[in-house]
Amino acid sequence: MTKKPFVDRIIIIGAVVEPLFVLPQALSIFRDKSAEGVVIVTWLGLSLLTALWVWYAFVHKEKMVLLYQSLFLAFNTLVIFGALLYGGRWY
């Protein structure tokens, strides 16, 4: 059995931590009950492209990409839901 390179081990942390940076936006929307300044089209576009990555990762059995992009999609969806609920703008 070969030892995994350091980058293969550390990327797991990055795959979980990086999507967490979307959470402050979602939390802010729900805490303040305001989506002022949030552009829904931007988040929809990001989510559409993220969904393509999820599909790609699923088809190619890329577990790390699937984890990473699935977390992004989930958190992006929270932002979209909050923006729709609390008055985000479309453009």
C-alpha atoms as a PDB file:
ATOM      1  CA  MET A   1       0.000   0.000   0.000  1.00  0.00           C
ATOM      2  CA  THR A   2       1.405   3.402  -0.971  1.00  0.00           C
ATOM      3  CA  LYS A   3       1.295   6.399   1.309  1.00  0.00           C
ATOM      4  CA  LYS A   4      -0.874   9.267   0.057  1.00  0.00           C
ATOM      5  CA  PRO A   5       0.930  12.519  -0.712  1.00  0.00           C
ATOM      6  CA  PHE A   6       0.501  15.331   1.793  1.00  0.00           C
ATOM      7  CA  VAL A   7      -1.657  17.295  -0.644  1.00  0.00           C
ATOM      8  CA  ASP A   8      -4.107  14.391  -0.870  1.00  0.00           C
ATOM      9  CA  ARG A   9      -4.498  14.369   2.894  1.00  0.00           C
ATOM     10  CA  ILE A  10      -4.703  18.145   3.405  1.00  0.00           C
ATOM     11  CA  ILE A  11      -7.236  18.676   0.589  1.00  0.00           C
ATOM     12  CA  ILE A  12      -9.879  16.997   2.728  1.00  0.00           C
ATOM     13  CA  ILE A  13      -9.643  19.919   5.124  1.00  0.00           C
ATOM     14  CA  GLY A  14      -9.893  22.401   2.258  1.00  0.00           C
ATOM     15  CA  ALA A  15     -12.894  20.606   0.782  1.00  0.00           C
ATOM     16  CA  VAL A  16     -14.803  21.069   4.027  1.00  0.00           C
ATOM     17  CA  VAL A  17     -13.479  24.463   5.158  1.00  0.00           C
ATOM     18  CA  GLU A  18     -13.718  26.447   1.915  1.00  0.00           C
ATOM     19  CA  PRO A  19     -17.491  26.041   1.434  1.00  0.00           C
ATOM     20  CA  LEU A  20     -17.947  27.184   5.042  1.00  0.00           C
ATOM     21  CA  PHE A  21     -17.000  30.684   3.907  1.00  0.00           C
ATOM     22  CA  VAL A  22     -20.450  30.939   2.281  1.00  0.00           C
ATOM     23  CA  LEU A  23     -22.174  30.416   5.641  1.00  0.00           C
ATOM     24  CA  PRO A  24     -21.613  33.960   6.991  1.00  0.00           C
ATOM     25  CA  GLN A  25     -23.615  35.316   4.044  1.00  0.00           C
ATOM     26  CA  ALA A  26     -26.481  32.906   4.718  1.00  0.00           C
ATOM     27  CA  LEU A  27     -26.381  33.506   8.470  1.00  0.00           C
ATOM     28  CA  SER A  28     -26.391  37.266   7.949  1.00  0.00           C
ATOM     29  CA  ILE A  29     -29.485  37.051   5.751  1.00  0.00           C
ATOM     30  CA  PHE A  30     -31.432  34.938   8.236  1.00  0.00           C
ATOM     31  CA  ARG A  31     -30.214  36.798  11.333  1.00  0.00           C
ATOM     32  CA  ASP A  32     -31.031  40.252   9.936  1.00  0.00           C
ATOM     33  CA  LYS A  33     -34.062  39.076   7.952  1.00  0.00           C
ATOM     34  CA  SER A  34     -32.663  41.104   5.079  1.00  0.00           C
ATOM     35  CA  ALA A  35     -31.022  40.200   1.801  1.00  0.00           C
ATOM     36  CA  GLU A  36     -30.180  43.772   0.884  1.00  0.00           C
ATOM     37  CA  GLY A  37     -27.309  43.770  -1.578  1.00  0.00           C
ATOM     38  CA  VAL A  38     -27.633  40.049  -2.377  1.00  0.00           C
ATOM     39  CA  VAL A  39     -28.027  39.482  -6.114  1.00  0.00           C
ATOM     40  CA  ILE A  40     -30.079  36.334  -6.684  1.00  0.00           C
ATOM     41  CA  VAL A  41     -28.935  35.824 -10.290  1.00  0.00           C
ATOM     42  CA  THR A  42     -25.309  35.645  -9.118  1.00  0.00           C
ATOM     43  CA  TRP A  43     -26.068  32.932  -6.576  1.00  0.00           C
ATOM     44  CA  LEU A  44     -28.275  31.031  -9.052  1.00  0.00           C
ATOM     45  CA  GLY A  45     -25.464  31.103 -11.614  1.00  0.00           C
ATOM     46  CA  LEU A  46     -22.931  29.895  -9.062  1.00  0.00           C
ATOM     47  CA  SER A  47     -25.310  27.146  -7.991  1.00  0.00           C
ATOM     48  CA  LEU A  48     -25.972  26.011 -11.555  1.00  0.00           C
ATOM     49  CA  LEU A  49     -22.250  25.683 -12.230  1.00  0.00           C
ATOM     50  CA  THR A  50     -21.731  23.987  -8.879  1.00  0.00           C
ATOM     51  CA  ALA A  51     -24.484  21.503  -9.755  1.00  0.00           C
ATOM     52  CA  LEU A  52     -22.560  20.680 -12.948  1.00  0.00           C
ATOM     53  CA  TRP A  53     -19.496  19.903 -10.832  1.00  0.00           C
ATOM     54  CA  VAL A  54     -21.593  17.691  -8.548  1.00  0.00           C
ATOM     55  CA  TRP A  55     -22.854  15.792 -11.588  1.00  0.00           C
ATOM     56  CA  TYR A  56     -19.324  15.471 -12.987  1.00  0.00           C
ATOM     57  CA  ALA A  57     -17.982  14.212  -9.650  1.00  0.00           C
ATOM     58  CA  PHE A  58     -20.808  11.703  -9.359  1.00  0.00           C
ATOM     59  CA  VAL A  59     -20.311  10.355 -12.891  1.00  0.00           C
ATOM     60  CA  HIS A  60     -16.524  10.095 -12.464  1.00  0.00           C
ATOM     61  CA  LYS A  61     -16.692   8.844  -8.867  1.00  0.00           C
ATOM     62  CA  GLU A  62     -14.550  11.737  -7.630  1.00  0.00           C
ATOM     63  CA  LYS A  63     -15.402  11.598  -3.945  1.00  0.00           C
ATOM     64  CA  MET A  64     -13.441  14.687  -2.909  1.00  0.00           C
ATOM     65  CA  VAL A  65     -14.923  16.858  -5.658  1.00  0.00           C
ATOM     66  CA  LEU A  66     -18.370  15.501  -4.807  1.00  0.00           C
ATOM     67  CA  LEU A  67     -17.962  16.402  -1.128  1.00  0.00           C
ATOM     68  CA  TYR A  68     -16.560  19.835  -1.885  1.00  0.00           C
ATOM     69  CA  GLN A  69     -19.111  20.849  -4.491  1.00  0.00           C
ATOM     70  CA  SER A  70     -22.069  19.306  -2.641  1.00  0.00           C
ATOM     71  CA  LEU A  71     -21.273  21.446   0.394  1.00  0.00           C
ATOM     72  CA  PHE A  72     -21.015  24.524  -1.820  1.00  0.00           C
ATOM     73  CA  LEU A  73     -24.357  23.700  -3.443  1.00  0.00           C
ATOM     74  CA  ALA A  74     -26.056  23.238  -0.073  1.00  0.00           C
ATOM     75  CA  PHE A  75     -24.744  26.539   1.304  1.00  0.00           C
ATOM     76  CA  ASN A  76     -25.453  28.417  -1.935  1.00  0.00           C
ATOM     77  CA  THR A  77     -29.020  27.117  -1.742  1.00  0.00           C
ATOM     78  CA  LEU A  78     -29.360  28.580   1.756  1.00  0.00           C
ATOM     79  CA  VAL A  79     -28.285  31.983   0.427  1.00  0.00           C
ATOM     80  CA  ILE A  80     -30.746  31.766  -2.482  1.00  0.00           C
ATOM     81  CA  PHE A  81     -33.587  30.705  -0.210  1.00  0.00           C
ATOM     82  CA  GLY A  82     -32.824  33.537   2.195  1.00  0.00           C
ATOM     83  CA  ALA A  83     -32.535  36.058  -0.638  1.00  0.00           C
ATOM     84  CA  LEU A  84     -35.893  34.991  -2.045  1.00  0.00           C
ATOM     85  CA  LEU A  85     -37.460  35.113   1.395  1.00  0.00           C
ATOM     86  CA  TYR A  86     -35.981  38.433   2.522  1.00  0.00           C
ATOM     87  CA  GLY A  87     -35.886  40.601  -0.580  1.00  0.00           C
ATOM     88  CA  GLY A  88     -32.724  39.911  -2.486  1.00  0.00           C
ATOM     89  CA  ARG A  89     -32.595  41.649  -5.836  1.00  0.00           C
ATOM     90  CA  TRP A  90     -32.507  39.884  -9.174  1.00  0.00           C
ATOM     91  CA  TYR A  91     -29.846  42.083 -10.801  1.00  0.00           C
END
